Amino acid sequence: MPENVSKLKIISYSDPDRKSNAETMEVQVNPESYSQKITVKFSDKQAPGTTGKLPKFSKMEPQKLDFELLFDATGVINGKKNPLNGVEEEIQKFKKLTLEYKGDKHRPRFLSIYWGTLRFDGCLESLDITYKLFRHDGLPLRAVAKAGFIGSIDDEKRVKKDNPNSPDLTHVRTVMEGDTLPLMTFRIYGDSKYYTEVARVNGLSDFRNLKTGDRIYFPPIEK
């Protein structure tokens, strides 16, 4: 991981593990700002025995990152001038870095973005380029690219995050005042019908009289 990154840096990889074929780009000018979006999904199911509609966590959507990049070939910025090709050469480099397919992987490249305290792993989701300044013959000399990125994690981690009740996960919960076994089972599995199995695993002969402070073991259950 790069340290003390004062200029926004984009590292491109051909594999999701980000271990090989790395290519790097440092922006000409840092963005004026960037925005991150996090979306949490909840299901519409209502827990049994409740009077209100309690939102039940469903999954976390991939994070999103958006910022604008300035491309300039006039020489005004950092003395970088390209009167022959204008900004198109740098824009093509950016597209190659973020979009180019490699081998049999028919998808955009995997990216890691660093700037100051920002670290974002993802892929390019959208690119909107506006050309701002032109030479007398129409050659673009300045452009602003609005780039949108979507976060990516490996499939194993994603499945576990999206499915908190997957068979390889176990849960231990402390009984709180007002809790019932069907209600606690609903919170864990999204369905209260598994409460008899939970009672059996915990050796509960009378599941209706849970004691506050008791620890209940919720085993992995195949659905």
Protein backbone atom coordinates (compact mmCIF):
# COMPACT_ATOMS: atom_id res chain seq x y z
CA MET A 1 0.00 0.00 0.00
CA PRO A 2 1.51 3.40 -0.96
CA GLU A 3 2.21 5.80 1.90
CA ASN A 4 2.05 9.60 2.03
CA VAL A 5 0.30 9.87 -1.34
CA SER A 6 0.05 13.60 -2.06
CA LYS A 7 -1.11 13.10 -5.65
CA LEU A 8 -4.08 10.85 -6.35
CA LYS A 9 -2.72 7.56 -7.65
CA ILE A 10 -4.57 4.82 -9.55
CA ILE A 11 -3.03 1.35 -9.68
CA SER A 12 -4.49 -1.07 -12.19
CA TYR A 13 -4.38 -4.88 -11.97
CA SER A 14 -5.43 -7.70 -14.25
CA ASP A 15 -6.44 -10.00 -11.37
CA PRO A 16 -8.88 -9.50 -8.46
CA ASP A 17 -6.18 -10.34 -5.88
CA ARG A 18 -4.23 -7.33 -7.15
CA LYS A 19 -0.94 -9.22 -7.26
CA SER A 20 0.20 -9.11 -10.87
CA ASN A 21 0.49 -6.92 -13.97
CA ALA A 22 0.24 -3.67 -12.03
CA GLU A 23 0.22 -0.39 -13.95
CA THR A 24 0.15 3.02 -12.29
CA MET A 25 -1.13 6.47 -13.11
CA GLU A 26 -0.69 9.66 -11.10
CA VAL A 27 -3.19 12.40 -11.87
CA GLN A 28 -2.07 15.72 -13.34
CA VAL A 29 -4.12 17.73 -10.84
CA ASN A 30 -5.74 16.45 -7.65
CA PRO A 31 -9.57 16.53 -7.67
CA GLU A 32 -11.20 19.43 -5.85
CA SER A 33 -13.36 16.91 -4.02
CA TYR A 34 -14.56 13.33 -4.08
CA SER A 35 -17.72 11.65 -2.85
CA GLN A 36 -18.32 8.21 -1.39
CA LYS A 37 -21.70 6.50 -1.27
CA ILE A 38 -22.66 3.62 1.01
CA THR A 39 -26.06 1.94 0.68
CA VAL A 40 -27.50 -0.42 3.30
CA LYS A 41 -30.35 -2.69 2.22
CA PHE A 42 -33.10 -3.80 4.61
CA SER A 43 -35.78 -6.43 4.06
CA ASP A 44 -39.51 -5.75 4.47
CA LYS A 45 -40.12 -8.74 6.75
CA GLN A 46 -41.55 -7.95 10.17
CA ALA A 47 -40.41 -9.84 13.23
CA PRO A 48 -43.22 -11.92 14.86
CA GLY A 49 -44.65 -10.55 18.09
CA THR A 50 -43.78 -6.93 17.30
CA THR A 51 -46.25 -4.08 16.85
CA GLY A 52 -44.03 -1.89 14.70
CA LYS A 53 -42.15 -2.60 11.53
CA LEU A 54 -38.56 -3.23 12.52
CA PRO A 55 -36.11 -2.98 9.63
CA LYS A 56 -34.09 -6.17 9.20
CA PHE A 57 -30.62 -5.87 7.74
CA SER A 58 -30.34 -7.53 4.35
CA LYS A 59 -26.96 -6.64 2.82
CA MET A 60 -24.43 -3.92 2.12
CA GLU A 61 -24.31 -2.67 -1.44
CA PRO A 62 -20.83 -2.12 -2.95
CA GLN A 63 -19.45 1.29 -2.06
CA LYS A 64 -19.18 3.92 -4.77
CA LEU A 65 -16.60 6.63 -5.34
CA ASP A 66 -16.93 9.64 -7.67
CA PHE A 67 -14.55 12.44 -8.59
CA GLU A 68 -13.51 14.62 -11.54
CA LEU A 69 -10.14 14.54 -13.27
CA LEU A 70 -8.68 17.43 -15.24
CA PHE A 71 -6.66 16.76 -18.37
CA ASP A 72 -4.72 19.73 -19.77
CA ALA A 73 -2.24 19.90 -22.65
CA THR A 74 -1.84 23.69 -22.91
CA GLY A 75 1.30 23.84 -20.75
CA VAL A 76 -0.43 26.02 -18.15
CA ILE A 77 -0.45 23.19 -15.57
CA ASN A 78 2.95 21.84 -14.54
CA GLY A 79 4.32 22.92 -17.91
CA LYS A 80 2.84 19.81 -19.53
CA LYS A 81 2.16 20.61 -23.16
CA ASN A 82 1.19 18.38 -26.08
CA PRO A 83 0.41 20.53 -29.13
CA LEU A 84 0.47 17.50 -31.42
CA ASN A 85 -2.11 15.24 -29.74
CA GLY A 86 -3.76 17.53 -27.20
CA VAL A 87 -5.39 15.76 -24.24
CA GLU A 88 -6.46 12.71 -26.23
CA GLU A 89 -3.20 10.87 -25.57
CA GLU A 90 -3.58 11.11 -21.78
CA ILE A 91 -7.27 10.25 -21.94
CA GLN A 92 -6.48 7.12 -23.92
CA LYS A 93 -3.89 6.15 -21.30
CA PHE A 94 -6.53 6.54 -18.60
CA LYS A 95 -9.02 4.41 -20.54
CA LYS A 96 -6.41 1.73 -21.11
CA LEU A 97 -5.52 1.73 -17.43
CA THR A 98 -9.10 1.36 -16.23
CA LEU A 99 -10.96 -0.43 -19.02
CA GLU A 100 -8.60 -2.58 -21.10
CA TYR A 101 -9.43 -6.29 -21.11
CA LYS A 102 -6.58 -8.66 -20.35
CA GLY A 103 -6.41 -12.20 -21.68
CA ASP A 104 -9.61 -14.17 -21.17
CA LYS A 105 -10.93 -11.87 -18.42
CA HIS A 106 -13.71 -10.07 -20.28
CA ARG A 107 -14.24 -7.30 -17.75
CA PRO A 108 -12.66 -3.95 -16.81
CA ARG A 109 -9.45 -4.02 -14.80
CA PHE A 110 -9.28 -4.07 -11.01
CA LEU A 111 -8.23 -0.76 -9.50
CA SER A 112 -6.81 0.54 -6.24
CA ILE A 113 -7.08 4.30 -5.69
CA TYR A 114 -4.95 6.16 -3.15
CA TRP A 115 -4.89 9.77 -2.05
CA GLY A 116 -4.02 10.94 1.44
CA THR A 117 -6.14 8.79 3.77
CA LEU A 118 -8.29 7.46 0.91
CA ARG A 119 -7.94 3.85 -0.15
CA PHE A 120 -10.53 2.38 -2.49
CA ASP A 121 -10.53 -0.98 -4.25
CA GLY A 122 -12.95 -1.27 -7.15
CA CYS A 123 -13.56 -0.95 -10.87
CA LEU A 124 -14.54 1.87 -13.19
CA GLU A 125 -18.34 2.02 -13.47
CA SER A 126 -18.90 5.18 -15.50
CA LEU A 127 -16.88 7.76 -17.40
CA ASP A 128 -18.25 11.07 -18.72
CA ILE A 129 -15.73 13.28 -20.58
CA THR A 130 -16.38 16.95 -21.35
CA TYR A 131 -13.96 18.74 -23.67
CA LYS A 132 -13.41 22.36 -22.62
CA LEU A 133 -10.74 24.05 -24.75
CA PHE A 134 -9.78 23.58 -28.40
CA ARG A 135 -7.05 24.53 -30.81
CA HIS A 136 -8.05 26.47 -33.94
CA ASP A 137 -8.39 23.21 -35.87
CA GLY A 138 -10.62 21.60 -33.23
CA LEU A 139 -7.98 19.56 -31.40
CA PRO A 140 -9.07 19.26 -27.69
CA LEU A 141 -6.54 20.85 -25.35
CA ARG A 142 -8.44 20.52 -22.07
CA ALA A 143 -11.02 18.05 -20.75
CA VAL A 144 -12.78 17.14 -17.52
CA ALA A 145 -13.56 13.48 -16.90
CA LYS A 146 -16.26 12.56 -14.38
CA ALA A 147 -15.28 9.09 -13.21
CA GLY A 148 -17.47 6.79 -11.13
CA PHE A 149 -16.07 3.69 -9.44
CA ILE A 150 -17.81 0.75 -7.77
CA GLY A 151 -16.17 -1.13 -4.92
CA SER A 152 -15.15 -4.74 -5.34
CA ILE A 153 -14.17 -7.51 -2.93
CA ASP A 154 -13.43 -11.14 -3.67
CA ASP A 155 -16.39 -13.51 -4.14
CA GLU A 156 -15.87 -15.42 -0.88
CA LYS A 157 -15.98 -12.27 1.25
CA ARG A 158 -18.91 -10.87 -0.72
CA VAL A 159 -21.03 -13.99 -0.24
CA LYS A 160 -20.39 -14.02 3.49
CA LYS A 161 -21.28 -10.33 3.81
CA ASP A 162 -24.43 -10.64 1.72
CA ASN A 163 -25.57 -13.83 3.49
CA PRO A 164 -25.10 -13.45 7.25
CA ASN A 165 -27.01 -16.70 7.83
CA SER A 166 -24.76 -18.81 5.60
CA PRO A 167 -24.03 -22.37 6.80
CA ASP A 168 -20.45 -21.57 7.81
CA LEU A 169 -21.48 -18.88 10.33
CA THR A 170 -22.57 -19.44 13.94
CA HIS A 171 -24.17 -16.99 16.36
CA VAL A 172 -24.32 -16.62 20.14
CA ARG A 173 -26.79 -14.11 21.56
CA THR A 174 -27.59 -12.89 25.07
CA VAL A 175 -31.26 -12.94 26.03
CA MET A 176 -32.56 -9.42 26.64
CA GLU A 177 -35.73 -8.42 28.45
CA GLY A 178 -38.77 -9.16 26.27
CA ASP A 179 -36.93 -11.62 24.03
CA THR A 180 -38.60 -14.85 22.97
CA LEU A 181 -36.92 -17.72 21.19
CA PRO A 182 -39.03 -17.31 18.01
CA LEU A 183 -38.19 -13.59 17.95
CA MET A 184 -34.45 -14.18 18.42
CA THR A 185 -34.54 -16.92 15.79
CA PHE A 186 -36.22 -14.54 13.34
CA ARG A 187 -33.47 -11.96 13.91
CA ILE A 188 -30.76 -14.49 13.12
CA TYR A 189 -32.25 -16.52 10.27
CA GLY A 190 -34.99 -14.25 8.92
CA ASP A 191 -37.59 -16.90 9.79
CA SER A 192 -38.87 -17.98 13.21
CA LYS A 193 -39.65 -21.57 12.14
CA TYR A 194 -36.17 -22.75 13.18
CA TYR A 195 -36.78 -22.07 16.89
CA THR A 196 -37.46 -25.76 17.66
CA GLU A 197 -34.05 -26.69 16.26
CA VAL A 198 -32.41 -23.93 18.32
CA ALA A 199 -34.25 -25.16 21.44
CA ARG A 200 -33.05 -28.72 20.80
CA VAL A 201 -29.41 -27.68 20.30
CA ASN A 202 -29.46 -25.61 23.51
CA GLY A 203 -31.29 -28.30 25.52
CA LEU A 204 -34.22 -26.03 26.28
CA SER A 205 -37.20 -27.99 27.58
CA ASP A 206 -39.32 -24.85 28.02
CA PHE A 207 -38.35 -22.29 25.38
CA ARG A 208 -41.19 -19.99 26.47
CA ASN A 209 -39.45 -19.01 29.71
CA LEU A 210 -36.10 -17.61 28.67
CA LYS A 211 -34.11 -15.89 31.41
CA THR A 212 -32.59 -12.47 30.82
CA GLY A 213 -28.83 -12.84 30.53
CA ASP A 214 -28.90 -16.41 29.24
CA ARG A 215 -26.61 -17.16 26.29
CA ILE A 216 -28.30 -18.87 23.35
CA TYR A 217 -26.34 -20.71 20.66
CA PHE A 218 -27.73 -20.43 17.12
CA PRO A 219 -26.14 -23.12 14.91
CA PRO A 220 -25.55 -22.95 11.17
CA ILE A 221 -28.75 -24.06 9.46
CA GLU A 222 -29.10 -25.13 5.87
CA LYS A 223 -32.09 -23.38 4.29
